[in-house]
Amino acid sequence: MSGDHNEASLPRVGLLYCGGAMSSAGELTGIAAFEVLKRLGPNEIGMGCVSALASRVPKHFNTIQSLEKVIVIDGCPNSCVKKIVESTGSKMDGYINLGIDLKVKKRGPFKPFDYTEEELERVVEAIIAKVKGER
């Protein structure tokens, strides 16, 4: 790993999430990921940069590879983040697709906050289960 990172400061699990604000499902991936970070803390969870991974920035790729576990979260059946991760050869230890796995409805275009509290909690619980290796 490059000297740019202190391994002791890295989280155990990295989350790579969609964050696509054109739909509620895409935005919900990021909102839920940050809620998981709040609940589990930065020693357990860290956010990966999908844009840097897609741009093949070596520092980001190497950092993601060094984590114990990487979980990829997509909002809809387009599976954009999964495709980026697969195209770069990056690590993926768990995968959640809100539309396919959790039956979260994609609302849009340009309706990023059109989701329910029940949907948010269901997504947060699914991510935490993946982090803990329960699903």
C-alpha atoms as a PDB file:
ATOM      1  CA  MET A   1       0.000   0.000   0.000  1.00  0.00           C
ATOM      2  CA  SER A   2       1.230   3.513  -0.718  1.00  0.00           C
ATOM      3  CA  GLY A   3       2.590   5.724   2.022  1.00  0.00           C
ATOM      4  CA  ASP A   4      -0.416   8.040   1.653  1.00  0.00           C
ATOM      5  CA  HIS A   5      -2.483   6.055   4.136  1.00  0.00           C
ATOM      6  CA  ASN A   6      -1.986   4.917   7.672  1.00  0.00           C
ATOM      7  CA  GLU A   7      -3.270   1.342   7.784  1.00  0.00           C
ATOM      8  CA  ALA A   8      -4.235   1.751  11.435  1.00  0.00           C
ATOM      9  CA  SER A   9      -6.700   4.495  10.463  1.00  0.00           C
ATOM     10  CA  LEU A  10      -8.490   2.464   7.803  1.00  0.00           C
ATOM     11  CA  PRO A  11     -11.951   1.104   8.524  1.00  0.00           C
ATOM     12  CA  ARG A  12     -12.612  -2.629   8.502  1.00  0.00           C
ATOM     13  CA  VAL A  13     -15.335  -2.420   5.815  1.00  0.00           C
ATOM     14  CA  GLY A  14     -15.634  -0.150   2.803  1.00  0.00           C
ATOM     15  CA  LEU A  15     -18.940   0.771   1.199  1.00  0.00           C
ATOM     16  CA  LEU A  16     -19.174   1.633  -2.484  1.00  0.00           C
ATOM     17  CA  TYR A  17     -22.629   3.029  -3.168  1.00  0.00           C
ATOM     18  CA  CYS A  18     -24.546   4.425  -6.113  1.00  0.00           C
ATOM     19  CA  GLY A  19     -25.622   7.843  -4.853  1.00  0.00           C
ATOM     20  CA  GLY A  20     -27.445   8.533  -8.126  1.00  0.00           C
ATOM     21  CA  ALA A  21     -29.562  11.581  -7.327  1.00  0.00           C
ATOM     22  CA  MET A  22     -31.746  11.185 -10.419  1.00  0.00           C
ATOM     23  CA  SER A  23     -33.872   8.710  -8.483  1.00  0.00           C
ATOM     24  CA  SER A  24     -34.963   8.012  -4.953  1.00  0.00           C
ATOM     25  CA  ALA A  25     -33.359   4.559  -4.978  1.00  0.00           C
ATOM     26  CA  GLY A  26     -29.979   5.876  -6.065  1.00  0.00           C
ATOM     27  CA  GLU A  27     -29.901   8.625  -3.468  1.00  0.00           C
ATOM     28  CA  LEU A  28     -31.165   6.231  -0.801  1.00  0.00           C
ATOM     29  CA  THR A  29     -27.992   4.148  -1.202  1.00  0.00           C
ATOM     30  CA  GLY A  30     -25.868   7.058   0.009  1.00  0.00           C
ATOM     31  CA  ILE A  31     -28.233   8.204   2.739  1.00  0.00           C
ATOM     32  CA  ALA A  32     -28.427   4.657   4.115  1.00  0.00           C
ATOM     33  CA  ALA A  33     -24.649   4.190   3.862  1.00  0.00           C
ATOM     34  CA  PHE A  34     -24.030   7.319   5.926  1.00  0.00           C
ATOM     35  CA  GLU A  35     -26.620   6.195   8.477  1.00  0.00           C
ATOM     36  CA  VAL A  36     -24.706   2.916   8.798  1.00  0.00           C
ATOM     37  CA  LEU A  37     -21.508   4.934   9.313  1.00  0.00           C
ATOM     38  CA  LYS A  38     -23.220   6.921  12.087  1.00  0.00           C
ATOM     39  CA  ARG A  39     -24.417   3.739  13.793  1.00  0.00           C
ATOM     40  CA  LEU A  40     -21.281   1.595  13.472  1.00  0.00           C
ATOM     41  CA  GLY A  41     -18.585   4.267  13.493  1.00  0.00           C
ATOM     42  CA  PRO A  42     -15.548   5.090  11.340  1.00  0.00           C
ATOM     43  CA  ASN A  43     -13.415   2.232  12.663  1.00  0.00           C
ATOM     44  CA  GLU A  44     -15.926  -0.211  11.215  1.00  0.00           C
ATOM     45  CA  ILE A  45     -17.200   1.614   8.091  1.00  0.00           C
ATOM     46  CA  GLY A  46     -15.609   3.829   5.453  1.00  0.00           C
ATOM     47  CA  MET A  47     -16.959   5.229   2.198  1.00  0.00           C
ATOM     48  CA  GLY A  48     -15.149   4.415  -1.007  1.00  0.00           C
ATOM     49  CA  CYS A  49     -15.066   6.779  -3.966  1.00  0.00           C
ATOM     50  CA  VAL A  50     -16.742   5.130  -6.953  1.00  0.00           C
ATOM     51  CA  SER A  51     -15.729   8.001  -9.256  1.00  0.00           C
ATOM     52  CA  ALA A  52     -12.052   7.559  -8.384  1.00  0.00           C
ATOM     53  CA  LEU A  53     -12.373   3.820  -8.860  1.00  0.00           C
ATOM     54  CA  ALA A  54     -14.004   4.327 -12.285  1.00  0.00           C
ATOM     55  CA  SER A  55     -11.226   6.780 -13.165  1.00  0.00           C
ATOM     56  CA  ARG A  56      -8.707   4.135 -12.143  1.00  0.00           C
ATOM     57  CA  VAL A  57      -6.939   6.279  -9.551  1.00  0.00           C
ATOM     58  CA  PRO A  58      -4.316   3.878  -8.136  1.00  0.00           C
ATOM     59  CA  LYS A  59      -4.369   5.283  -4.589  1.00  0.00           C
ATOM     60  CA  HIS A  60      -8.116   4.691  -4.265  1.00  0.00           C
ATOM     61  CA  PHE A  61      -7.976   1.251  -5.873  1.00  0.00           C
ATOM     62  CA  ASN A  62      -5.167   0.160  -3.542  1.00  0.00           C
ATOM     63  CA  THR A  63      -6.941   1.484  -0.476  1.00  0.00           C
ATOM     64  CA  ILE A  64     -10.146  -0.385  -1.333  1.00  0.00           C
ATOM     65  CA  GLN A  65      -8.153  -3.570  -1.964  1.00  0.00           C
ATOM     66  CA  SER A  66      -6.521  -3.315   1.474  1.00  0.00           C
ATOM     67  CA  LEU A  67      -9.803  -3.370   3.413  1.00  0.00           C
ATOM     68  CA  GLU A  68     -11.035  -6.527   5.093  1.00  0.00           C
ATOM     69  CA  LYS A  69     -14.372  -6.356   3.291  1.00  0.00           C
ATOM     70  CA  VAL A  70     -15.976  -4.253   0.541  1.00  0.00           C
ATOM     71  CA  ILE A  71     -19.731  -4.055   0.097  1.00  0.00           C
ATOM     72  CA  VAL A  72     -21.236  -2.663  -3.104  1.00  0.00           C
ATOM     73  CA  ILE A  73     -24.693  -1.060  -3.013  1.00  0.00           C
ATOM     74  CA  ASP A  74     -26.727  -0.271  -6.136  1.00  0.00           C
ATOM     75  CA  GLY A  75     -30.089   1.450  -6.184  1.00  0.00           C
ATOM     76  CA  CYS A  76     -31.687  -0.146  -9.215  1.00  0.00           C
ATOM     77  CA  PRO A  77     -31.373  -2.963 -11.761  1.00  0.00           C
ATOM     78  CA  ASN A  78     -28.952  -0.870 -13.849  1.00  0.00           C
ATOM     79  CA  SER A  79     -26.294  -2.073 -11.366  1.00  0.00           C
ATOM     80  CA  CYS A  80     -23.889   0.747 -12.273  1.00  0.00           C
ATOM     81  CA  VAL A  81     -21.583   0.441  -9.263  1.00  0.00           C
ATOM     82  CA  LYS A  82     -21.319  -3.335  -9.607  1.00  0.00           C
ATOM     83  CA  LYS A  83     -20.345  -2.874 -13.270  1.00  0.00           C
ATOM     84  CA  ILE A  84     -17.686  -0.313 -12.341  1.00  0.00           C
ATOM     85  CA  VAL A  85     -16.247  -2.570  -9.651  1.00  0.00           C
ATOM     86  CA  GLU A  86     -16.193  -5.560 -12.001  1.00  0.00           C
ATOM     87  CA  SER A  87     -14.633  -3.541 -14.838  1.00  0.00           C
ATOM     88  CA  THR A  88     -11.783  -2.371 -12.606  1.00  0.00           C
ATOM     89  CA  GLY A  89     -11.145  -5.778 -11.069  1.00  0.00           C
ATOM     90  CA  SER A  90     -11.720  -4.326  -7.633  1.00  0.00           C
ATOM     91  CA  LYS A  91     -12.677  -6.292  -4.584  1.00  0.00           C
ATOM     92  CA  MET A  92     -16.361  -6.969  -3.856  1.00  0.00           C
ATOM     93  CA  ASP A  93     -17.214  -9.145  -0.861  1.00  0.00           C
ATOM     94  CA  GLY A  94     -20.911  -8.368  -0.657  1.00  0.00           C
ATOM     95  CA  TYR A  95     -23.588  -6.878  -2.876  1.00  0.00           C
ATOM     96  CA  ILE A  96     -26.997  -5.315  -2.311  1.00  0.00           C
ATOM     97  CA  ASN A  97     -29.289  -4.053  -5.051  1.00  0.00           C
ATOM     98  CA  LEU A  98     -32.134  -2.057  -3.508  1.00  0.00           C
ATOM     99  CA  GLY A  99     -34.523  -2.683  -6.383  1.00  0.00           C
ATOM    100  CA  ILE A 100     -33.794  -6.377  -6.862  1.00  0.00           C
ATOM    101  CA  ASP A 101     -32.917  -7.592  -3.360  1.00  0.00           C
ATOM    102  CA  LEU A 102     -35.016  -5.273  -1.198  1.00  0.00           C
ATOM    103  CA  LYS A 103     -37.849  -4.425  -3.616  1.00  0.00           C
ATOM    104  CA  VAL A 104     -37.333  -0.686  -3.089  1.00  0.00           C
ATOM    105  CA  LYS A 105     -39.202   1.233  -5.747  1.00  0.00           C
ATOM    106  CA  LYS A 106     -37.167   3.583  -7.930  1.00  0.00           C
ATOM    107  CA  ARG A 107     -38.937   6.961  -8.139  1.00  0.00           C
ATOM    108  CA  GLY A 108     -37.839   9.716 -10.455  1.00  0.00           C
ATOM    109  CA  PRO A 109     -36.407  11.260 -12.424  1.00  0.00           C
ATOM    110  CA  PHE A 110     -35.116  13.956 -10.097  1.00  0.00           C
ATOM    111  CA  LYS A 111     -36.957  12.797  -6.985  1.00  0.00           C
ATOM    112  CA  PRO A 112     -34.016  11.996  -4.701  1.00  0.00           C
ATOM    113  CA  PHE A 113     -35.948  12.214  -1.425  1.00  0.00           C
ATOM    114  CA  ASP A 114     -39.056  10.313  -2.503  1.00  0.00           C
ATOM    115  CA  TYR A 115     -38.579   7.292  -0.243  1.00  0.00           C
ATOM    116  CA  THR A 116     -40.177   6.223   3.018  1.00  0.00           C
ATOM    117  CA  GLU A 117     -38.637   5.940   6.469  1.00  0.00           C
ATOM    118  CA  GLU A 118     -39.495   2.232   6.342  1.00  0.00           C
ATOM    119  CA  GLU A 119     -37.473   1.864   3.127  1.00  0.00           C
ATOM    120  CA  LEU A 120     -34.543   3.723   4.685  1.00  0.00           C
ATOM    121  CA  GLU A 121     -34.549   1.510   7.772  1.00  0.00           C
ATOM    122  CA  ARG A 122     -34.850  -1.662   5.668  1.00  0.00           C
ATOM    123  CA  VAL A 123     -31.821  -0.623   3.598  1.00  0.00           C
ATOM    124  CA  VAL A 124     -29.791   0.326   6.683  1.00  0.00           C
ATOM    125  CA  GLU A 125     -30.566  -3.026   8.299  1.00  0.00           C
ATOM    126  CA  ALA A 126     -29.596  -4.895   5.117  1.00  0.00           C
ATOM    127  CA  ILE A 127     -26.254  -3.083   4.930  1.00  0.00           C
ATOM    128  CA  ILE A 128     -25.519  -3.733   8.608  1.00  0.00           C
ATOM    129  CA  ALA A 129     -26.342  -7.420   8.102  1.00  0.00           C
ATOM    130  CA  LYS A 130     -23.850  -7.575   5.189  1.00  0.00           C
ATOM    131  CA  VAL A 131     -21.216  -5.793   7.277  1.00  0.00           C
ATOM    132  CA  LYS A 132     -21.693  -8.353  10.040  1.00  0.00           C
ATOM    133  CA  GLY A 133     -21.753 -11.242   7.556  1.00  0.00           C
ATOM    134  CA  GLU A 134     -25.334 -12.198   8.337  1.00  0.00           C
ATOM    135  CA  ARG A 135     -26.604 -12.183   4.733  1.00  0.00           C
END
